[in-house]
N, C-alpha and C. Protein backbone atom coordinates (compact mmCIF):
# COMPACT_ATOMS: atom_id res chain seq x y z
N MET A 1 -0.18 -19.56 -5.14
CA MET A 1 -0.96 -18.20 -5.43
C MET A 1 0.57 -17.90 -6.66
N ALA A 2 -0.34 -17.59 -7.57
CA ALA A 2 1.02 -16.89 -8.60
C ALA A 2 2.11 -15.91 -7.90
N ARG A 3 2.98 -16.14 -8.84
CA ARG A 3 4.33 -15.09 -8.17
C ARG A 3 3.91 -13.80 -8.08
N GLY A 4 3.98 -13.68 -6.77
CA GLY A 4 3.83 -11.91 -6.53
C GLY A 4 2.25 -11.74 -5.88
N GLY A 5 1.45 -12.92 -5.85
CA GLY A 5 0.02 -13.19 -5.48
C GLY A 5 -0.15 -12.79 -3.98
N LEU A 6 0.56 -13.28 -3.25
CA LEU A 6 0.71 -12.92 -1.99
C LEU A 6 1.13 -11.51 -1.66
N PHE A 7 2.35 -10.72 -2.39
CA PHE A 7 2.53 -9.44 -1.94
C PHE A 7 1.47 -8.61 -2.36
N PHE A 8 0.58 -8.65 -3.51
CA PHE A 8 -0.22 -7.78 -3.99
C PHE A 8 -1.63 -8.12 -2.91
N PHE A 9 -1.86 -9.61 -2.32
CA PHE A 9 -2.98 -9.73 -1.36
C PHE A 9 -2.72 -9.43 -0.36
N VAL A 10 -1.79 -9.31 0.43
CA VAL A 10 -1.18 -8.46 1.69
C VAL A 10 -1.05 -6.62 1.35
N LEU A 11 -1.05 -5.92 0.30
CA LEU A 11 -0.46 -4.75 -0.32
C LEU A 11 -2.59 -4.55 -0.42
N TYR A 12 -3.18 -5.20 -0.76
CA TYR A 12 -4.85 -4.34 -0.81
C TYR A 12 -5.27 -5.05 0.32
N LEU A 13 -4.90 -5.65 1.18
CA LEU A 13 -5.56 -6.05 2.44
C LEU A 13 -4.99 -4.75 3.42
N VAL A 14 -3.82 -4.15 3.13
CA VAL A 14 -3.49 -3.16 4.23
C VAL A 14 -3.91 -1.79 3.53
N ILE A 15 -4.08 -1.51 2.14
CA ILE A 15 -4.85 -0.84 1.43
C ILE A 15 -5.91 -0.39 1.80
N GLY A 16 -7.25 -1.62 1.87
CA GLY A 16 -8.26 -1.52 2.26
C GLY A 16 -8.61 -1.21 3.85
N ALA A 17 -7.81 -1.89 4.73
CA ALA A 17 -7.62 -1.89 6.05
C ALA A 17 -7.41 -0.07 6.77
N TYR A 18 -6.32 0.58 5.71
CA TYR A 18 -6.17 1.83 5.52
C TYR A 18 -7.66 2.69 5.64
N PHE A 19 -8.24 2.40 4.71
CA PHE A 19 -9.56 2.74 3.77
C PHE A 19 -10.36 3.05 4.87
N LEU A 20 -10.49 1.44 5.52
CA LEU A 20 -11.70 1.00 6.28
C LEU A 20 -11.86 2.40 7.53
N ASN A 21 -10.22 2.20 8.20
CA ASN A 21 -9.62 2.90 9.28
C ASN A 21 -9.77 4.83 8.67
N PHE A 22 -10.26 5.13 7.75
CA PHE A 22 -10.40 6.16 7.40
C PHE A 22 -11.50 6.83 7.24
N GLY A 23 -12.64 5.75 7.05
CA GLY A 23 -13.74 6.27 7.34
C GLY A 23 -14.46 6.44 8.57
N LEU A 24 -13.68 5.12 9.30
CA LEU A 24 -14.57 4.84 10.95
C LEU A 24 -13.41 5.40 11.88
N ASN A 25 -12.36 5.48 11.69
CA ASN A 25 -10.95 6.52 12.88
C ASN A 25 -11.76 5.36 14.00
N PHE A 26 -11.46 3.84 13.66
CA PHE A 26 -10.99 3.38 15.00
C PHE A 26 -9.03 2.94 15.44
N ILE A 27 -8.74 3.78 14.88
CA ILE A 27 -7.02 4.04 15.09
C ILE A 27 -6.75 5.22 14.55
N LYS A 28 -5.91 5.73 15.49
CA LYS A 28 -5.72 6.95 15.38
C LYS A 28 -4.50 7.27 15.06
N LEU A 29 -4.63 8.13 13.83
CA LEU A 29 -3.77 7.80 12.41
C LEU A 29 -2.29 8.94 13.06
N PRO A 30 -1.22 8.58 13.28
CA PRO A 30 -0.41 10.03 13.70
C PRO A 30 -0.04 11.35 12.83
N GLU A 31 0.52 12.63 12.68
CA GLU A 31 0.40 13.60 12.12
C GLU A 31 1.02 13.22 11.04
N ILE A 32 2.10 13.08 10.71
CA ILE A 32 3.00 12.28 9.42
C ILE A 32 1.73 11.75 8.56
N SER A 33 0.97 11.13 8.90
CA SER A 33 -0.07 9.85 7.80
C SER A 33 -0.80 11.19 7.18
N ALA A 34 -1.18 12.24 7.83
CA ALA A 34 -2.20 13.39 7.03
C ALA A 34 -1.27 13.82 6.03
N ASN A 35 0.03 13.96 5.94
CA ASN A 35 0.84 14.53 4.98
C ASN A 35 0.50 13.57 3.54
N ILE A 36 0.45 12.62 3.75
CA ILE A 36 0.65 11.67 2.94
C ILE A 36 -0.52 11.24 2.64
N ASN A 37 -1.65 11.56 2.91
CA ASN A 37 -3.09 11.17 3.35
C ASN A 37 -3.24 10.66 1.75
N LYS A 38 -3.61 11.76 1.44
CA LYS A 38 -3.80 11.91 -0.50
C LYS A 38 -3.03 10.89 -1.41
N TRP A 39 -1.81 10.91 -1.18
CA TRP A 39 -1.50 10.10 -1.53
C TRP A 39 -1.74 8.15 -1.54
N ILE A 40 -1.53 7.85 -0.56
CA ILE A 40 -2.36 7.05 0.09
C ILE A 40 -3.62 6.69 -0.36
N ILE A 41 -4.48 7.42 -0.94
CA ILE A 41 -5.73 7.51 -1.01
C ILE A 41 -5.29 7.17 -2.85
N PHE A 42 -4.84 7.78 -3.35
CA PHE A 42 -4.28 7.72 -4.92
C PHE A 42 -4.03 5.92 -5.01
N ALA A 43 -3.40 5.73 -4.28
CA ALA A 43 -2.31 4.52 -4.82
C ALA A 43 -3.60 3.81 -4.04
N GLY A 44 -4.29 3.61 -3.25
CA GLY A 44 -5.11 2.57 -3.26
C GLY A 44 -6.45 2.71 -4.31
N GLY A 45 -6.71 3.74 -5.04
CA GLY A 45 -7.48 4.01 -6.11
C GLY A 45 -7.22 3.24 -7.64
N VAL A 46 -5.45 3.09 -7.33
CA VAL A 46 -4.97 2.40 -8.38
C VAL A 46 -4.81 1.06 -8.37
N LEU A 47 -4.72 0.42 -7.09
CA LEU A 47 -4.79 -1.18 -7.01
C LEU A 47 -5.96 -1.48 -7.15
N LEU A 48 -7.01 -0.44 -6.63
CA LEU A 48 -8.34 -1.05 -6.96
C LEU A 48 -8.57 -1.33 -8.35
N ILE A 49 -8.33 -0.27 -9.52
CA ILE A 49 -8.55 -0.57 -10.54
C ILE A 49 -7.72 -1.72 -10.96
N ILE A 50 -6.55 -2.09 -10.99
CA ILE A 50 -5.55 -3.30 -11.19
C ILE A 50 -6.01 -4.42 -10.82
N GLY A 51 -6.63 -4.19 -9.56
CA GLY A 51 -6.81 -5.54 -9.44
C GLY A 51 -8.63 -5.98 -9.85
N ALA A 52 -9.16 -5.07 -10.22
CA ALA A 52 -10.49 -5.33 -10.67
C ALA A 52 -9.92 -5.47 -12.41
N ILE A 53 -8.79 -4.84 -13.30
CA ILE A 53 -8.88 -5.88 -14.18
C ILE A 53 -8.17 -6.58 -14.10
N ASN A 54 -7.23 -7.07 -13.12
CA ASN A 54 -7.12 -8.62 -13.11
C ASN A 54 -7.89 -9.80 -13.34
N TYR A 55 -9.02 -9.16 -12.07
CA TYR A 55 -10.01 -10.00 -11.58
C TYR A 55 -11.12 -10.47 -13.40
N LEU A 56 -11.01 -9.53 -13.91
CA LEU A 56 -11.65 -9.37 -14.91
C LEU A 56 -10.81 -10.55 -15.88
N ARG A 57 -9.69 -10.58 -16.26
CA ARG A 57 -8.92 -11.39 -16.89
C ARG A 57 -8.48 -12.81 -16.45
N ALA A 58 -8.88 -12.62 -15.29
CA ALA A 58 -8.78 -14.32 -15.08
C ALA A 58 -10.11 -14.87 -14.92
N ASN A 59 -11.28 -14.03 -14.85
CA ASN A 59 -12.36 -14.65 -15.27
C ASN A 59 -12.71 -15.21 -16.64
N ARG A 60 -12.24 -14.17 -17.75
CA ARG A 60 -12.36 -14.43 -19.09
C ARG A 60 -11.23 -15.94 -19.32
N ALA A 61 -10.31 -15.42 -18.98
CA ALA A 61 -9.40 -16.85 -19.11
C ALA A 61 -9.77 -17.77 -18.75
N SER A 62 -10.95 -18.32 -17.54
CA SER A 62 -11.21 -19.37 -17.29
C SER A 62 -12.39 -19.73 -17.71
N ARG A 63 -13.06 -18.81 -18.50
CA ARG A 63 -13.89 -18.77 -19.16
C ARG A 63 -14.24 -19.28 -20.22
N TYR A 64 -13.13 -19.13 -21.14
CA TYR A 64 -12.29 -19.56 -22.44
C TYR A 64 -12.09 -20.98 -22.21
N ASN A 65 -11.23 -21.19 -20.79
CA ASN A 65 -10.77 -22.31 -20.73
C ASN A 65 -11.63 -23.74 -20.64
N ARG A 66 -13.04 -23.00 -20.18
CA ARG A 66 -14.21 -24.06 -20.02
C ARG A 66 -14.49 -24.64 -21.66
N VAL A 67 -14.44 -23.89 -22.33
CA VAL A 67 -15.22 -24.09 -23.66
C VAL A 67 -14.28 -25.09 -24.70
N ARG A 68 -13.44 -24.40 -24.12
CA ARG A 68 -12.36 -25.33 -25.13
C ARG A 68 -12.57 -26.64 -24.56
C-alpha cells in the first residue's frame, strides 16, 4: 500500500462505520459524541470528497499507463 494508505483506509472505515451507526443506531453513543456530531459528519464528508478525487486520479493514471 502507498505511504499513508493504510491510515486513510482505517480512517475511512471508522468514519463509514460511524455513518452507518448514525442511521441505524446499533451502538448507543455517549453524550459527548452528540456535541461533536456535526464535526464528525463534516470531516466524513471532506474525507469522502478527498477519496473520490484520489480514486479519479488513480483511474486516470492507470488508464494513461495502459495506452502508453
